[in-house]
Amino acid sequence: MAEFIGAGTLTFIGCGSIVVAAGIHDVALIGVAVANGLAIGVMVCAMGYISGAHFNPAITFGALLTGKIKIGEAVPYWVAQLAGAVTAAALVKVLLPRVATNAVHLGAPALGGGVDAFSGACLEAIFTFFLVWVVFGTAIDGRSTFAGIAGLAIGLTITIDVLFGGPLTGAAMNPSRAFGPDLVQNDWANWWVWWVGPLFGGAVAALVYNFLYLGKTAETAST
């Protein structure tokens, strides 16, 4: 339930802020970026102690690859994250003006002008690398003295990624964030960009962090 609510919050606020920016009020890119960052930041603070506050299949995938979560836990996390995103996207579609939601395709991430699908996937991989790296460095690494501000660090990472990548790829960094509005509006244009990119970038960040820092810690402890 924590993963359902957290992932749903990100999609609801993320999609909703884009719809608002496009059709209801004059909200600049910085407003969308801050809305996304705050949504994750507050939910990490609220529910990090319950589920680890992944709220993102790419983070769960990285945790699975590095042994921080078992497959029996990862699968329910993924189901909850996707279900939360779909529910949130459906609420945005029902509650916000149809003209505004249609204008921005329900706030689904999309490729900006001049950005091809391969470049988009690479950008999403890089943005997600930053995100998962910060998650490991603040929330997952038990030695971190910054666990108490993990929500702030993770939220700010999402904010800077959206400030840079929002006009280019939507800076979803999260397959569920793309899946929710894609399914609700049944629009799957370049859908793989927001699956392959984040899962790959998240996996690289998790594996590299684990190899450089967590693995060496385990070896030191064993000796």
C-alpha atoms as a PDB file:
ATOM      1  CA  MET A   1       0.000   0.000   0.000  1.00  0.00           C
ATOM      2  CA  ALA A   2       2.872   2.383   0.746  1.00  0.00           C
ATOM      3  CA  GLU A   3       4.320   1.786  -2.735  1.00  0.00           C
ATOM      4  CA  PHE A   4       0.853   2.184  -4.289  1.00  0.00           C
ATOM      5  CA  ILE A   5       0.291   5.524  -2.572  1.00  0.00           C
ATOM      6  CA  GLY A   6       3.811   6.815  -3.192  1.00  0.00           C
ATOM      7  CA  ALA A   7       3.884   5.944  -6.892  1.00  0.00           C
ATOM      8  CA  GLY A   8       0.339   7.241  -7.265  1.00  0.00           C
ATOM      9  CA  THR A   9       1.272  10.538  -5.650  1.00  0.00           C
ATOM     10  CA  LEU A  10       4.155  11.061  -8.053  1.00  0.00           C
ATOM     11  CA  THR A  11       1.958  10.347 -11.084  1.00  0.00           C
ATOM     12  CA  PHE A  12      -0.974  12.401  -9.838  1.00  0.00           C
ATOM     13  CA  ILE A  13       1.145  15.447  -8.994  1.00  0.00           C
ATOM     14  CA  GLY A  14       3.463  14.978 -11.973  1.00  0.00           C
ATOM     15  CA  CYS A  15       0.719  14.609 -14.570  1.00  0.00           C
ATOM     16  CA  GLY A  16      -1.505  17.153 -12.873  1.00  0.00           C
ATOM     17  CA  SER A  17       1.177  19.826 -12.725  1.00  0.00           C
ATOM     18  CA  ILE A  18       1.832  19.416 -16.456  1.00  0.00           C
ATOM     19  CA  VAL A  19      -1.885  19.704 -17.237  1.00  0.00           C
ATOM     20  CA  VAL A  20      -2.141  22.789 -15.032  1.00  0.00           C
ATOM     21  CA  ALA A  21       0.940  24.322 -16.656  1.00  0.00           C
ATOM     22  CA  ALA A  22      -0.478  23.763 -20.114  1.00  0.00           C
ATOM     23  CA  GLY A  23      -4.100  24.658 -19.801  1.00  0.00           C
ATOM     24  CA  ILE A  24      -5.234  26.157 -16.533  1.00  0.00           C
ATOM     25  CA  HIS A  25      -2.615  28.537 -15.163  1.00  0.00           C
ATOM     26  CA  ASP A  26       0.686  29.887 -16.394  1.00  0.00           C
ATOM     27  CA  VAL A  27       3.071  27.598 -14.526  1.00  0.00           C
ATOM     28  CA  ALA A  28       6.666  27.573 -15.744  1.00  0.00           C
ATOM     29  CA  LEU A  29       8.914  24.513 -16.032  1.00  0.00           C
ATOM     30  CA  ILE A  30      10.316  25.250 -12.594  1.00  0.00           C
ATOM     31  CA  GLY A  31       6.844  24.814 -11.137  1.00  0.00           C
ATOM     32  CA  VAL A  32       6.504  21.334 -12.655  1.00  0.00           C
ATOM     33  CA  ALA A  33      10.000  20.399 -11.490  1.00  0.00           C
ATOM     34  CA  VAL A  34       9.394  21.551  -7.928  1.00  0.00           C
ATOM     35  CA  ALA A  35       6.002  19.811  -7.812  1.00  0.00           C
ATOM     36  CA  ASN A  36       7.581  16.501  -8.826  1.00  0.00           C
ATOM     37  CA  GLY A  37      10.452  16.872  -6.393  1.00  0.00           C
ATOM     38  CA  LEU A  38       8.243  17.815  -3.471  1.00  0.00           C
ATOM     39  CA  ALA A  39       5.816  14.974  -4.198  1.00  0.00           C
ATOM     40  CA  ILE A  40       8.566  12.403  -3.901  1.00  0.00           C
ATOM     41  CA  GLY A  41      10.352  14.161  -1.067  1.00  0.00           C
ATOM     42  CA  VAL A  42       7.353  14.221   1.251  1.00  0.00           C
ATOM     43  CA  MET A  43       6.362  10.644   0.435  1.00  0.00           C
ATOM     44  CA  VAL A  44       9.895   9.361   1.074  1.00  0.00           C
ATOM     45  CA  CYS A  45       9.799  11.064   4.461  1.00  0.00           C
ATOM     46  CA  ALA A  46       6.330   9.711   5.197  1.00  0.00           C
ATOM     47  CA  MET A  47       6.765   6.095   4.129  1.00  0.00           C
ATOM     48  CA  GLY A  48      10.458   5.362   3.776  1.00  0.00           C
ATOM     49  CA  TYR A  49      10.425   3.414   7.025  1.00  0.00           C
ATOM     50  CA  ILE A  50       7.580   1.217   5.769  1.00  0.00           C
ATOM     51  CA  SER A  51       8.671   0.054   2.311  1.00  0.00           C
ATOM     52  CA  GLY A  52      11.947   1.848   1.658  1.00  0.00           C
ATOM     53  CA  ALA A  53       9.961   4.306  -0.495  1.00  0.00           C
ATOM     54  CA  HIS A  54      11.002   3.024  -3.905  1.00  0.00           C
ATOM     55  CA  PHE A  55       7.886   4.275  -5.738  1.00  0.00           C
ATOM     56  CA  ASN A  56       9.721   3.403  -8.960  1.00  0.00           C
ATOM     57  CA  PRO A  57      10.268   0.056 -10.727  1.00  0.00           C
ATOM     58  CA  ALA A  58      13.789   1.159 -11.678  1.00  0.00           C
ATOM     59  CA  ILE A  59      14.770   1.649  -8.033  1.00  0.00           C
ATOM     60  CA  THR A  60      13.239  -1.690  -7.095  1.00  0.00           C
ATOM     61  CA  PHE A  61      15.125  -3.304  -9.997  1.00  0.00           C
ATOM     62  CA  GLY A  62      18.415  -1.861  -8.755  1.00  0.00           C
ATOM     63  CA  ALA A  63      17.688  -3.048  -5.228  1.00  0.00           C
ATOM     64  CA  LEU A  64      16.888  -6.524  -6.577  1.00  0.00           C
ATOM     65  CA  LEU A  65      20.114  -6.751  -8.589  1.00  0.00           C
ATOM     66  CA  THR A  66      22.178  -5.843  -5.543  1.00  0.00           C
ATOM     67  CA  GLY A  67      20.402  -8.167  -3.146  1.00  0.00           C
ATOM     68  CA  LYS A  68      18.689  -5.450  -1.121  1.00  0.00           C
ATOM     69  CA  ILE A  69      15.285  -6.940  -1.890  1.00  0.00           C
ATOM     70  CA  LYS A  70      14.158 -10.452  -2.861  1.00  0.00           C
ATOM     71  CA  ILE A  71      12.183 -11.307  -5.990  1.00  0.00           C
ATOM     72  CA  GLY A  72       9.210 -12.267  -3.826  1.00  0.00           C
ATOM     73  CA  GLU A  73       9.122  -8.701  -2.530  1.00  0.00           C
ATOM     74  CA  ALA A  74      10.072  -6.989  -5.794  1.00  0.00           C
ATOM     75  CA  VAL A  75       7.119  -8.360  -7.777  1.00  0.00           C
ATOM     76  CA  PRO A  76       4.450  -7.018  -5.368  1.00  0.00           C
ATOM     77  CA  TYR A  77       6.331  -3.698  -5.325  1.00  0.00           C
ATOM     78  CA  TRP A  78       6.170  -3.505  -9.123  1.00  0.00           C
ATOM     79  CA  VAL A  79       2.474  -4.395  -9.178  1.00  0.00           C
ATOM     80  CA  ALA A  80       1.702  -1.754  -6.544  1.00  0.00           C
ATOM     81  CA  GLN A  81       3.767   0.920  -8.305  1.00  0.00           C
ATOM     82  CA  LEU A  82       2.099   0.329 -11.674  1.00  0.00           C
ATOM     83  CA  ALA A  83      -1.379   0.109 -10.137  1.00  0.00           C
ATOM     84  CA  GLY A  84      -0.839   3.330  -8.206  1.00  0.00           C
ATOM     85  CA  ALA A  85       0.285   5.141 -11.348  1.00  0.00           C
ATOM     86  CA  VAL A  86      -2.702   3.925 -13.367  1.00  0.00           C
ATOM     87  CA  THR A  87      -5.129   4.940 -10.623  1.00  0.00           C
ATOM     88  CA  ALA A  88      -3.552   8.391 -10.368  1.00  0.00           C
ATOM     89  CA  ALA A  89      -3.618   8.938 -14.133  1.00  0.00           C
ATOM     90  CA  ALA A  90      -7.283   7.935 -14.219  1.00  0.00           C
ATOM     91  CA  LEU A  91      -8.054  10.480 -11.487  1.00  0.00           C
ATOM     92  CA  VAL A  92      -6.287  13.223 -13.448  1.00  0.00           C
ATOM     93  CA  LYS A  93      -8.313  12.323 -16.539  1.00  0.00           C
ATOM     94  CA  VAL A  94     -11.618  12.361 -14.657  1.00  0.00           C
ATOM     95  CA  LEU A  95     -11.067  15.401 -12.450  1.00  0.00           C
ATOM     96  CA  LEU A  96      -9.226  17.895 -14.659  1.00  0.00           C
ATOM     97  CA  PRO A  97     -10.627  19.697 -17.712  1.00  0.00           C
ATOM     98  CA  ARG A  98     -10.623  17.481 -20.789  1.00  0.00           C
ATOM     99  CA  VAL A  99      -9.250  20.223 -23.044  1.00  0.00           C
ATOM    100  CA  ALA A 100      -6.200  20.636 -20.831  1.00  0.00           C
ATOM    101  CA  THR A 101      -5.528  16.919 -20.372  1.00  0.00           C
ATOM    102  CA  ASN A 102      -5.857  16.251 -24.106  1.00  0.00           C
ATOM    103  CA  ALA A 103      -3.473  19.099 -24.938  1.00  0.00           C
ATOM    104  CA  VAL A 104      -0.596  17.446 -23.062  1.00  0.00           C
ATOM    105  CA  HIS A 105      -1.652  13.809 -23.542  1.00  0.00           C
ATOM    106  CA  LEU A 106      -2.579  13.477 -19.881  1.00  0.00           C
ATOM    107  CA  GLY A 107       0.891  14.581 -18.775  1.00  0.00           C
ATOM    108  CA  ALA A 108       2.599  11.497 -20.188  1.00  0.00           C
ATOM    109  CA  PRO A 109       6.335  11.926 -20.817  1.00  0.00           C
ATOM    110  CA  ALA A 110       7.121  12.617 -24.452  1.00  0.00           C
ATOM    111  CA  LEU A 111      10.121  13.312 -26.646  1.00  0.00           C
ATOM    112  CA  GLY A 112      10.835  16.972 -27.292  1.00  0.00           C
ATOM    113  CA  GLY A 113      11.478  18.474 -30.686  1.00  0.00           C
ATOM    114  CA  GLY A 114      14.643  17.111 -32.274  1.00  0.00           C
ATOM    115  CA  VAL A 115      15.095  14.329 -29.685  1.00  0.00           C
ATOM    116  CA  ASP A 116      15.019  10.858 -31.245  1.00  0.00           C
ATOM    117  CA  ALA A 117      14.010   7.739 -29.355  1.00  0.00           C
ATOM    118  CA  PHE A 118      17.566   6.465 -28.843  1.00  0.00           C
ATOM    119  CA  SER A 119      18.768   9.796 -27.482  1.00  0.00           C
ATOM    120  CA  GLY A 120      15.676   9.946 -25.298  1.00  0.00           C
ATOM    121  CA  ALA A 121      16.384   6.527 -23.831  1.00  0.00           C
ATOM    122  CA  CYS A 122      19.995   7.516 -23.141  1.00  0.00           C
ATOM    123  CA  LEU A 123      18.904  10.719 -21.429  1.00  0.00           C
ATOM    124  CA  GLU A 124      16.385   8.839 -19.301  1.00  0.00           C
ATOM    125  CA  ALA A 125      19.129   6.370 -18.367  1.00  0.00           C
ATOM    126  CA  ILE A 126      21.417   9.207 -17.236  1.00  0.00           C
ATOM    127  CA  PHE A 127      18.687  10.988 -15.280  1.00  0.00           C
ATOM    128  CA  THR A 128      17.740   7.725 -13.565  1.00  0.00           C
ATOM    129  CA  PHE A 129      21.387   6.967 -12.835  1.00  0.00           C
ATOM    130  CA  PHE A 130      21.561  10.195 -10.829  1.00  0.00           C
ATOM    131  CA  LEU A 131      18.343   9.357  -9.012  1.00  0.00           C
ATOM    132  CA  VAL A 132      19.255   5.780  -8.055  1.00  0.00           C
ATOM    133  CA  TRP A 133      22.781   6.833  -7.089  1.00  0.00           C
ATOM    134  CA  VAL A 134      21.337   9.339  -4.620  1.00  0.00           C
ATOM    135  CA  VAL A 135      18.816   6.787  -3.336  1.00  0.00           C
ATOM    136  CA  PHE A 136      21.626   4.326  -2.615  1.00  0.00           C
ATOM    137  CA  GLY A 137      23.847   7.007  -1.103  1.00  0.00           C
ATOM    138  CA  THR A 138      21.240   8.379   1.284  1.00  0.00           C
ATOM    139  CA  ALA A 139      18.527   5.789   1.886  1.00  0.00           C
ATOM    140  CA  ILE A 140      19.972   2.333   1.175  1.00  0.00           C
ATOM    141  CA  ASP A 141      23.589   2.549   2.350  1.00  0.00           C
ATOM    142  CA  GLY A 142      23.321   1.819   6.060  1.00  0.00           C
ATOM    143  CA  ARG A 143      26.491   3.788   6.796  1.00  0.00           C
ATOM    144  CA  SER A 144      25.047   7.032   5.462  1.00  0.00           C
ATOM    145  CA  THR A 145      24.696   9.847   7.967  1.00  0.00           C
ATOM    146  CA  PHE A 146      22.238  11.514   5.604  1.00  0.00           C
ATOM    147  CA  ALA A 147      19.376   9.021   5.892  1.00  0.00           C
ATOM    148  CA  GLY A 148      17.375  11.581   7.837  1.00  0.00           C
ATOM    149  CA  ILE A 149      17.344  13.926   4.852  1.00  0.00           C
ATOM    150  CA  ALA A 150      16.961  11.238   2.177  1.00  0.00           C
ATOM    151  CA  GLY A 151      13.590  12.666   1.158  1.00  0.00           C
ATOM    152  CA  LEU A 152      15.121  16.085   0.570  1.00  0.00           C
ATOM    153  CA  ALA A 153      18.064  14.718  -1.422  1.00  0.00           C
ATOM    154  CA  ILE A 154      15.918  12.429  -3.559  1.00  0.00           C
ATOM    155  CA  GLY A 155      13.307  15.117  -4.163  1.00  0.00           C
ATOM    156  CA  LEU A 156      15.963  17.632  -5.208  1.00  0.00           C
ATOM    157  CA  THR A 157      17.493  15.091  -7.588  1.00  0.00           C
ATOM    158  CA  ILE A 158      14.153  14.699  -9.314  1.00  0.00           C
ATOM    159  CA  THR A 159      13.793  18.483  -9.433  1.00  0.00           C
ATOM    160  CA  ILE A 160      17.144  19.067 -11.153  1.00  0.00           C
ATOM    161  CA  ASP A 161      16.491  16.219 -13.579  1.00  0.00           C
ATOM    162  CA  VAL A 162      13.111  17.678 -14.558  1.00  0.00           C
ATOM    163  CA  LEU A 163      14.579  21.169 -14.905  1.00  0.00           C
ATOM    164  CA  PHE A 164      17.068  19.807 -17.431  1.00  0.00           C
ATOM    165  CA  GLY A 165      15.207  16.955 -19.042  1.00  0.00           C
ATOM    166  CA  GLY A 166      11.556  17.938 -18.831  1.00  0.00           C
ATOM    167  CA  PRO A 167      11.471  19.568 -22.283  1.00  0.00           C
ATOM    168  CA  LEU A 168      13.564  16.754 -23.774  1.00  0.00           C
ATOM    169  CA  THR A 169      12.018  13.505 -22.499  1.00  0.00           C
ATOM    170  CA  GLY A 170       9.665  14.504 -19.712  1.00  0.00           C
ATOM    171  CA  ALA A 171      12.352  13.289 -17.287  1.00  0.00           C
ATOM    172  CA  ALA A 172      10.133  10.503 -15.980  1.00  0.00           C
ATOM    173  CA  MET A 173      13.016   8.393 -14.607  1.00  0.00           C
ATOM    174  CA  ASN A 174      10.318   5.912 -13.732  1.00  0.00           C
ATOM    175  CA  PRO A 175       8.504   3.299 -15.875  1.00  0.00           C
ATOM    176  CA  SER A 176       5.341   3.532 -13.774  1.00  0.00           C
ATOM    177  CA  ARG A 177       5.196   7.315 -14.248  1.00  0.00           C
ATOM    178  CA  ALA A 178       4.987   6.706 -18.005  1.00  0.00           C
ATOM    179  CA  PHE A 179       2.853   3.564 -17.834  1.00  0.00           C
ATOM    180  CA  GLY A 180      -0.041   5.155 -15.940  1.00  0.00           C
ATOM    181  CA  PRO A 181      -0.978   7.891 -18.418  1.00  0.00           C
ATOM    182  CA  ASP A 182       0.004   5.724 -21.402  1.00  0.00           C
ATOM    183  CA  LEU A 183      -2.475   3.032 -20.377  1.00  0.00           C
ATOM    184  CA  VAL A 184      -5.290   5.398 -19.394  1.00  0.00           C
ATOM    185  CA  GLN A 185      -5.136   7.320 -22.676  1.00  0.00           C
ATOM    186  CA  ASN A 186      -4.062   4.248 -24.713  1.00  0.00           C
ATOM    187  CA  ASP A 187      -1.180   6.081 -26.344  1.00  0.00           C
ATOM    188  CA  TRP A 188       2.023   4.048 -26.576  1.00  0.00           C
ATOM    189  CA  ALA A 189       4.221   6.252 -28.771  1.00  0.00           C
ATOM    190  CA  ASN A 190       7.879   5.417 -28.049  1.00  0.00           C
ATOM    191  CA  TRP A 191       6.754   3.698 -24.847  1.00  0.00           C
ATOM    192  CA  TRP A 192       9.966   1.667 -24.562  1.00  0.00           C
ATOM    193  CA  VAL A 193      12.063   4.812 -24.013  1.00  0.00           C
ATOM    194  CA  TRP A 194      10.684   5.162 -20.467  1.00  0.00           C
ATOM    195  CA  TRP A 195      11.208   1.497 -19.668  1.00  0.00           C
ATOM    196  CA  VAL A 196      14.584   0.681 -21.187  1.00  0.00           C
ATOM    197  CA  GLY A 197      16.237   3.970 -20.231  1.00  0.00           C
ATOM    198  CA  PRO A 198      15.293   4.084 -16.515  1.00  0.00           C
ATOM    199  CA  LEU A 199      15.755   0.341 -15.925  1.00  0.00           C
ATOM    200  CA  PHE A 200      19.195   0.399 -17.534  1.00  0.00           C
ATOM    201  CA  GLY A 201      20.334   3.593 -15.822  1.00  0.00           C
ATOM    202  CA  GLY A 202      19.002   2.443 -12.476  1.00  0.00           C
ATOM    203  CA  ALA A 203      20.689  -0.930 -12.788  1.00  0.00           C
ATOM    204  CA  VAL A 204      24.059   0.623 -13.642  1.00  0.00           C
ATOM    205  CA  ALA A 205      23.869   3.055 -10.717  1.00  0.00           C
ATOM    206  CA  ALA A 206      22.907   0.311  -8.254  1.00  0.00           C
ATOM    207  CA  LEU A 207      25.560  -2.129  -9.435  1.00  0.00           C
ATOM    208  CA  VAL A 208      28.354   0.451  -9.555  1.00  0.00           C
ATOM    209  CA  TYR A 209      27.504   1.874  -6.123  1.00  0.00           C
ATOM    210  CA  ASN A 210      27.256  -1.607  -4.687  1.00  0.00           C
ATOM    211  CA  PHE A 211      30.608  -2.631  -6.219  1.00  0.00           C
ATOM    212  CA  LEU A 212      32.489   0.501  -5.186  1.00  0.00           C
ATOM    213  CA  TYR A 213      31.141   0.946  -1.685  1.00  0.00           C
ATOM    214  CA  LEU A 214      28.725  -1.634  -0.315  1.00  0.00           C
ATOM    215  CA  GLY A 215      30.648  -4.664  -1.580  1.00  0.00           C
ATOM    216  CA  LYS A 216      33.898  -3.445  -0.049  1.00  0.00           C
ATOM    217  CA  THR A 217      32.137  -2.804   3.229  1.00  0.00           C
ATOM    218  CA  ALA A 218      30.920  -6.399   3.300  1.00  0.00           C
ATOM    219  CA  GLU A 219      34.416  -7.692   2.526  1.00  0.00           C
ATOM    220  CA  THR A 220      35.946  -5.573   5.310  1.00  0.00           C
ATOM    221  CA  ALA A 221      33.374  -6.797   7.796  1.00  0.00           C
ATOM    222  CA  SER A 222      33.997 -10.430   6.907  1.00  0.00           C
ATOM    223  CA  THR A 223      37.754 -10.099   7.452  1.00  0.00           C
END
